[in-house]
Each structure stands twice: as C-alpha cells, then as structure tokens.
PDB file of N, CA and C in Angstrom:
ATOM      1  N   UNK A   1     -15.261 -45.660  -7.486  1.00  0.00           N
ATOM      2  CA  UNK A   1     -15.130 -44.564  -8.423  1.00  0.00           C
ATOM      3  C   UNK A   1     -14.778 -43.311  -7.624  1.00  0.00           C
ATOM      4  N   UNK A   2     -13.853 -42.544  -8.162  1.00  0.00           N
ATOM      5  CA  UNK A   2     -13.449 -41.312  -7.499  1.00  0.00           C
ATOM      6  C   UNK A   2     -14.326 -40.150  -7.959  1.00  0.00           C
ATOM      7  N   UNK A   3     -14.207 -39.043  -7.267  1.00  0.00           N
ATOM      8  CA  UNK A   3     -14.963 -37.838  -7.612  1.00  0.00           C
ATOM      9  C   UNK A   3     -14.594 -37.350  -9.013  1.00  0.00           C
ATOM     10  N   UNK A   4     -13.318 -37.409  -9.348  1.00  0.00           N
ATOM     11  CA  UNK A   4     -12.876 -36.956 -10.670  1.00  0.00           C
ATOM     12  C   UNK A   4     -13.463 -37.826 -11.777  1.00  0.00           C
ATOM     13  N   UNK A   5     -13.496 -39.137 -11.569  1.00  0.00           N
ATOM     14  CA  UNK A   5     -14.098 -40.031 -12.560  1.00  0.00           C
ATOM     15  C   UNK A   5     -15.599 -39.782 -12.679  1.00  0.00           C
ATOM     16  N   UNK A   6     -16.254 -39.501 -11.574  1.00  0.00           N
ATOM     17  CA  UNK A   6     -17.679 -39.180 -11.600  1.00  0.00           C
ATOM     18  C   UNK A   6     -17.949 -37.905 -12.377  1.00  0.00           C
ATOM     19  N   UNK A   7     -17.089 -36.909 -12.180  1.00  0.00           N
ATOM     20  CA  UNK A   7     -17.226 -35.661 -12.943  1.00  0.00           C
ATOM     21  C   UNK A   7     -17.100 -35.923 -14.437  1.00  0.00           C
ATOM     22  N   UNK A   8     -16.094 -36.715 -14.819  1.00  0.00           N
ATOM     23  CA  UNK A   8     -15.894 -37.021 -16.232  1.00  0.00           C
ATOM     24  C   UNK A   8     -17.084 -37.784 -16.807  1.00  0.00           C
ATOM     25  N   UNK A   9     -17.643 -38.684 -16.036  1.00  0.00           N
ATOM     26  CA  UNK A   9     -18.819 -39.439 -16.474  1.00  0.00           C
ATOM     27  C   UNK A   9     -20.004 -38.508 -16.718  1.00  0.00           C
ATOM     28  N   UNK A  10     -20.237 -37.583 -15.796  1.00  0.00           N
ATOM     29  CA  UNK A  10     -21.336 -36.625 -15.945  1.00  0.00           C
ATOM     30  C   UNK A  10     -21.080 -35.709 -17.139  1.00  0.00           C
ATOM     31  N   UNK A  11     -19.870 -35.209 -17.275  1.00  0.00           N
ATOM     32  CA  UNK A  11     -19.537 -34.302 -18.384  1.00  0.00           C
ATOM     33  C   UNK A  11     -19.743 -34.975 -19.737  1.00  0.00           C
ATOM     34  N   UNK A  12     -19.209 -36.178 -19.878  1.00  0.00           N
ATOM     35  CA  UNK A  12     -19.343 -36.895 -21.139  1.00  0.00           C
ATOM     36  C   UNK A  12     -20.790 -37.201 -21.481  1.00  0.00           C
ATOM     37  N   UNK A  13     -21.554 -37.615 -20.482  1.00  0.00           N
ATOM     38  CA  UNK A  13     -22.966 -37.915 -20.699  1.00  0.00           C
ATOM     39  C   UNK A  13     -23.741 -36.677 -21.122  1.00  0.00           C
ATOM     40  N   UNK A  14     -23.490 -35.554 -20.454  1.00  0.00           N
ATOM     41  CA  UNK A  14     -24.196 -34.322 -20.802  1.00  0.00           C
ATOM     42  C   UNK A  14     -23.827 -33.813 -22.185  1.00  0.00           C
ATOM     43  N   UNK A  15     -22.556 -33.893 -22.541  1.00  0.00           N
ATOM     44  CA  UNK A  15     -22.152 -33.438 -23.870  1.00  0.00           C
ATOM     45  C   UNK A  15     -22.817 -34.280 -24.945  1.00  0.00           C
ATOM     46  N   UNK A  16     -22.844 -35.602 -24.768  1.00  0.00           N
ATOM     47  CA  UNK A  16     -23.519 -36.467 -25.737  1.00  0.00           C
ATOM     48  C   UNK A  16     -25.021 -36.196 -25.789  1.00  0.00           C
ATOM     49  N   UNK A  17     -25.634 -35.979 -24.634  1.00  0.00           N
ATOM     50  CA  UNK A  17     -27.077 -35.691 -24.598  1.00  0.00           C
ATOM     51  C   UNK A  17     -27.384 -34.355 -25.281  1.00  0.00           C
ATOM     52  N   UNK A  18     -26.560 -33.346 -25.037  1.00  0.00           N
ATOM     53  CA  UNK A  18     -26.782 -32.042 -25.661  1.00  0.00           C
ATOM     54  C   UNK A  18     -26.544 -32.097 -27.164  1.00  0.00           C
ATOM     55  N   UNK A  19     -25.550 -32.876 -27.591  1.00  0.00           N
ATOM     56  CA  UNK A  19     -25.307 -33.031 -29.025  1.00  0.00           C
ATOM     57  C   UNK A  19     -26.483 -33.747 -29.693  1.00  0.00           C
ATOM     58  N   UNK A  20     -27.039 -34.765 -29.032  1.00  0.00           N
ATOM     59  CA  UNK A  20     -28.216 -35.455 -29.566  1.00  0.00           C
ATOM     60  C   UNK A  20     -29.410 -34.507 -29.620  1.00  0.00           C
ATOM     61  N   UNK A  21     -29.541 -33.673 -28.611  1.00  0.00           N
ATOM     62  CA  UNK A  21     -30.609 -32.668 -28.596  1.00  0.00           C
ATOM     63  C   UNK A  21     -30.462 -31.729 -29.787  1.00  0.00           C
ATOM     64  N   UNK A  22     -29.213 -31.316 -30.050  1.00  0.00           N
ATOM     65  CA  UNK A  22     -28.956 -30.416 -31.187  1.00  0.00           C
ATOM     66  C   UNK A  22     -29.289 -31.107 -32.503  1.00  0.00           C
ATOM     67  N   UNK A  23     -29.003 -32.378 -32.618  1.00  0.00           N
ATOM     68  CA  UNK A  23     -29.235 -33.106 -33.857  1.00  0.00           C
ATOM     69  C   UNK A  23     -30.720 -33.344 -34.110  1.00  0.00           C
ATOM     70  N   UNK A  24     -31.457 -33.792 -33.074  1.00  0.00           N
ATOM     71  CA  UNK A  24     -32.829 -34.232 -33.281  1.00  0.00           C
ATOM     72  C   UNK A  24     -33.912 -33.220 -32.894  1.00  0.00           C
ATOM     73  N   UNK A  25     -33.603 -32.270 -32.046  1.00  0.00           N
ATOM     74  CA  UNK A  25     -34.665 -31.386 -31.552  1.00  0.00           C
ATOM     75  C   UNK A  25     -34.491 -29.965 -32.074  1.00  0.00           C
ATOM     76  N   UNK A  26     -33.492 -29.254 -31.572  1.00  0.00           N
ATOM     77  CA  UNK A  26     -33.299 -27.852 -31.948  1.00  0.00           C
ATOM     78  C   UNK A  26     -31.803 -27.562 -32.006  1.00  0.00           C
ATOM     79  N   UNK A  27     -31.321 -27.324 -33.194  1.00  0.00           N
ATOM     80  CA  UNK A  27     -29.885 -27.163 -33.403  1.00  0.00           C
ATOM     81  C   UNK A  27     -29.316 -25.984 -32.612  1.00  0.00           C
ATOM     82  N   UNK A  28     -29.963 -24.841 -32.653  1.00  0.00           N
ATOM     83  CA  UNK A  28     -29.389 -23.664 -31.980  1.00  0.00           C
ATOM     84  C   UNK A  28     -29.400 -23.831 -30.458  1.00  0.00           C
ATOM     85  N   UNK A  29     -30.473 -24.351 -29.907  1.00  0.00           N
ATOM     86  CA  UNK A  29     -30.524 -24.564 -28.453  1.00  0.00           C
ATOM     87  C   UNK A  29     -29.509 -25.619 -28.026  1.00  0.00           C
ATOM     88  N   UNK A  30     -29.339 -26.658 -28.832  1.00  0.00           N
ATOM     89  CA  UNK A  30     -28.365 -27.700 -28.514  1.00  0.00           C
ATOM     90  C   UNK A  30     -26.946 -27.176 -28.522  1.00  0.00           C
ATOM     91  N   UNK A  31     -26.641 -26.319 -29.475  1.00  0.00           N
ATOM     92  CA  UNK A  31     -25.294 -25.734 -29.545  1.00  0.00           C
ATOM     93  C   UNK A  31     -25.057 -24.821 -28.346  1.00  0.00           C
ATOM     94  N   UNK A  32     -26.076 -24.094 -27.938  1.00  0.00           N
ATOM     95  CA  UNK A  32     -25.953 -23.244 -26.749  1.00  0.00           C
ATOM     96  C   UNK A  32     -25.694 -24.098 -25.511  1.00  0.00           C
ATOM     97  N   UNK A  33     -26.381 -25.231 -25.391  1.00  0.00           N
ATOM     98  CA  UNK A  33     -26.175 -26.118 -24.241  1.00  0.00           C
ATOM     99  C   UNK A  33     -24.765 -26.710 -24.248  1.00  0.00           C
ATOM    100  N   UNK A  34     -24.274 -27.109 -25.413  1.00  0.00           N
ATOM    101  CA  UNK A  34     -22.911 -27.635 -25.507  1.00  0.00           C
ATOM    102  C   UNK A  34     -21.904 -26.542 -25.144  1.00  0.00           C
ATOM    103  N   UNK A  35     -22.123 -25.316 -25.600  1.00  0.00           N
ATOM    104  CA  UNK A  35     -21.230 -24.207 -25.265  1.00  0.00           C
ATOM    105  C   UNK A  35     -21.254 -23.925 -23.766  1.00  0.00           C
ATOM    106  N   UNK A  36     -22.420 -23.959 -23.156  1.00  0.00           N
ATOM    107  CA  UNK A  36     -22.534 -23.758 -21.710  1.00  0.00           C
ATOM    108  C   UNK A  36     -21.767 -24.844 -20.959  1.00  0.00           C
ATOM    109  N   UNK A  37     -21.866 -26.068 -21.446  1.00  0.00           N
ATOM    110  CA  UNK A  37     -21.126 -27.170 -20.830  1.00  0.00           C
ATOM    111  C   UNK A  37     -19.618 -26.909 -20.923  1.00  0.00           C
ATOM    112  N   UNK A  38     -19.159 -26.404 -22.064  1.00  0.00           N
ATOM    113  CA  UNK A  38     -17.746 -26.068 -22.222  1.00  0.00           C
ATOM    114  C   UNK A  38     -17.297 -24.991 -21.252  1.00  0.00           C
ATOM    115  N   UNK A  39     -18.133 -23.984 -21.046  1.00  0.00           N
ATOM    116  CA  UNK A  39     -17.812 -22.913 -20.090  1.00  0.00           C
ATOM    117  C   UNK A  39     -17.713 -23.477 -18.677  1.00  0.00           C
ATOM    118  N   UNK A  40     -18.628 -24.385 -18.326  1.00  0.00           N
ATOM    119  CA  UNK A  40     -18.601 -24.975 -16.988  1.00  0.00           C
ATOM    120  C   UNK A  40     -17.364 -25.841 -16.789  1.00  0.00           C
ATOM    121  N   UNK A  41     -16.921 -26.543 -17.835  1.00  0.00           N
ATOM    122  CA  UNK A  41     -15.694 -27.336 -17.738  1.00  0.00           C
ATOM    123  C   UNK A  41     -14.489 -26.421 -17.536  1.00  0.00           C
ATOM    124  N   UNK A  42     -14.448 -25.315 -18.290  1.00  0.00           N
ATOM    125  CA  UNK A  42     -13.341 -24.368 -18.135  1.00  0.00           C
ATOM    126  C   UNK A  42     -13.302 -23.768 -16.732  1.00  0.00           C
ATOM    127  N   UNK A  43     -14.467 -23.390 -16.196  1.00  0.00           N
ATOM    128  CA  UNK A  43     -14.442 -22.800 -14.856  1.00  0.00           C
ATOM    129  C   UNK A  43     -14.033 -23.827 -13.810  1.00  0.00           C
ATOM    130  N   UNK A  44     -14.364 -25.103 -14.018  1.00  0.00           N
ATOM    131  CA  UNK A  44     -13.963 -26.114 -13.036  1.00  0.00           C
ATOM    132  C   UNK A  44     -12.454 -26.357 -13.063  1.00  0.00           C
ATOM    133  N   UNK A  45     -11.822 -26.136 -14.211  1.00  0.00           N
ATOM    134  CA  UNK A  45     -10.370 -26.277 -14.298  1.00  0.00           C
ATOM    135  C   UNK A  45      -9.693 -25.208 -13.437  1.00  0.00           C
ATOM    136  N   UNK A  46     -10.215 -23.992 -13.473  1.00  0.00           N
ATOM    137  CA  UNK A  46      -9.586 -22.893 -12.752  1.00  0.00           C
ATOM    138  C   UNK A  46      -9.980 -22.832 -11.277  1.00  0.00           C
ATOM    139  N   UNK A  47     -11.194 -23.266 -10.935  1.00  0.00           N
ATOM    140  CA  UNK A  47     -11.657 -23.158  -9.551  1.00  0.00           C
ATOM    141  C   UNK A  47     -11.555 -24.462  -8.774  1.00  0.00           C
ATOM    142  N   UNK A  48     -11.496 -25.597  -9.472  1.00  0.00           N
ATOM    143  CA  UNK A  48     -11.453 -26.887  -8.784  1.00  0.00           C
ATOM    144  C   UNK A  48     -12.813 -27.347  -8.304  1.00  0.00           C
ATOM    145  N   UNK A  49     -13.860 -26.620  -8.656  1.00  0.00           N
ATOM    146  CA  UNK A  49     -15.212 -26.960  -8.238  1.00  0.00           C
ATOM    147  C   UNK A  49     -16.093 -27.175  -9.465  1.00  0.00           C
ATOM    148  N   UNK A  50     -16.934 -28.184  -9.393  1.00  0.00           N
ATOM    149  CA  UNK A  50     -17.815 -28.510 -10.507  1.00  0.00           C
ATOM    150  C   UNK A  50     -19.249 -28.610  -9.964  1.00  0.00           C
ATOM    151  N   UNK A  51     -20.249 -28.103 -10.678  1.00  0.00           N
ATOM    152  CA  UNK A  51     -21.629 -28.210 -10.210  1.00  0.00           C
ATOM    153  C   UNK A  51     -22.082 -29.654  -9.981  1.00  0.00           C
ATOM    154  N   UNK A  52     -21.469 -30.601 -10.661  1.00  0.00           N
ATOM    155  CA  UNK A  52     -21.823 -32.013 -10.462  1.00  0.00           C
ATOM    156  C   UNK A  52     -21.484 -32.478  -9.046  1.00  0.00           C
ATOM    157  N   UNK A  53     -20.620 -31.748  -8.353  1.00  0.00           N
ATOM    158  CA  UNK A  53     -20.265 -32.116  -6.979  1.00  0.00           C
ATOM    159  C   UNK A  53     -21.474 -32.099  -6.055  1.00  0.00           C
ATOM    160  N   UNK A  54     -22.496 -31.298  -6.382  1.00  0.00           N
ATOM    161  CA  UNK A  54     -23.697 -31.238  -5.548  1.00  0.00           C
ATOM    162  C   UNK A  54     -24.349 -32.597  -5.379  1.00  0.00           C
ATOM    163  N   UNK A  55     -24.308 -33.429  -6.412  1.00  0.00           N
ATOM    164  CA  UNK A  55     -24.924 -34.745  -6.251  1.00  0.00           C
ATOM    165  C   UNK A  55     -23.913 -35.886  -6.256  1.00  0.00           C
ATOM    166  N   UNK A  56     -22.647 -35.611  -6.548  1.00  0.00           N
ATOM    167  CA  UNK A  56     -21.640 -36.665  -6.482  1.00  0.00           C
ATOM    168  C   UNK A  56     -21.109 -36.852  -5.062  1.00  0.00           C
ATOM    169  N   UNK A  57     -20.941 -35.775  -4.331  1.00  0.00           N
ATOM    170  CA  UNK A  57     -20.436 -35.899  -2.954  1.00  0.00           C
ATOM    171  C   UNK A  57     -21.407 -36.651  -2.035  1.00  0.00           C
ATOM    172  N   UNK A  58     -22.721 -36.423  -2.096  1.00  0.00           N
ATOM    173  CA  UNK A  58     -23.619 -37.226  -1.255  1.00  0.00           C
ATOM    174  C   UNK A  58     -23.598 -38.718  -1.610  1.00  0.00           C
ATOM    175  N   UNK A  59     -23.066 -39.065  -2.778  1.00  0.00           N
ATOM    176  CA  UNK A  59     -22.928 -40.475  -3.149  1.00  0.00           C
ATOM    177  C   UNK A  59     -21.638 -41.055  -2.594  1.00  0.00           C
ATOM    178  N   UNK A  60     -20.997 -40.334  -1.702  1.00  0.00           N
ATOM    179  CA  UNK A  60     -19.768 -40.748  -1.001  1.00  0.00           C
ATOM    180  C   UNK A  60     -18.577 -40.909  -1.932  1.00  0.00           C
ATOM    181  N   UNK A  61     -18.514 -40.125  -3.009  1.00  0.00           N
ATOM    182  CA  UNK A  61     -17.333 -40.154  -3.860  1.00  0.00           C
ATOM    183  C   UNK A  61     -16.294 -39.215  -3.283  1.00  0.00           C
ATOM    184  N   UNK A  62     -15.077 -39.684  -3.218  1.00  0.00           N
ATOM    185  CA  UNK A  62     -13.979 -38.912  -2.630  1.00  0.00           C
ATOM    186  C   UNK A  62     -12.965 -38.555  -3.697  1.00  0.00           C
ATOM    187  N   UNK A  63     -12.191 -37.503  -3.445  1.00  0.00           N
ATOM    188  CA  UNK A  63     -11.124 -37.107  -4.365  1.00  0.00           C
ATOM    189  C   UNK A  63     -10.038 -38.174  -4.367  1.00  0.00           C
ATOM    190  N   UNK A  64      -9.347 -38.285  -5.527  1.00  0.00           N
ATOM    191  CA  UNK A  64      -8.225 -39.223  -5.621  1.00  0.00           C
ATOM    192  C   UNK A  64      -7.111 -38.765  -4.702  1.00  0.00           C
ATOM    193  N   UNK A  65      -6.472 -39.726  -4.075  1.00  0.00           N
ATOM    194  CA  UNK A  65      -5.316 -39.362  -3.258  1.00  0.00           C
ATOM    195  C   UNK A  65      -4.087 -39.323  -4.137  1.00  0.00           C
ATOM    196  N   UNK A  66      -3.259 -38.314  -3.941  1.00  0.00           N
ATOM    197  CA  UNK A  66      -2.089 -38.115  -4.816  1.00  0.00           C
ATOM    198  C   UNK A  66      -0.973 -39.050  -4.473  1.00  0.00           C
TER     199      UNK A  66
END
C-alpha cells in the first residue's frame, strides 16, 4: 500500500466515523467534525502534507513513484 492509498483509507474511515457520530450521538458536533475533516483534506491538497502522515510513515508507507 502506498502513502496516498493509506491517506485515502484514513480519510474515508474518519468521515464515516464522524457521520455515524453525527447520526447516533450529537448531530452538531458530528457535523463540526466532518467539516474539520473537509478543511484538513483541502489543506493537504495545497500543501502536500496530511496529519495522517505522522503514523503512516512509521509504517514504512512510501509515496507512489510517478
């Protein structure tokens, strides 16, 4: 698995978890978490860095070669 695939896996899992949180626990807090996740995805598009890299890189995931 590449670093990019790992990022997508983490992003998708968190969005689903936050949506479930919004549905079953607290709607307003869940929507805030989903919005925060969206902001983090947008910043990773522009900077090339994602907070998930903190724990994906020690798992020896490497960037895809072009």
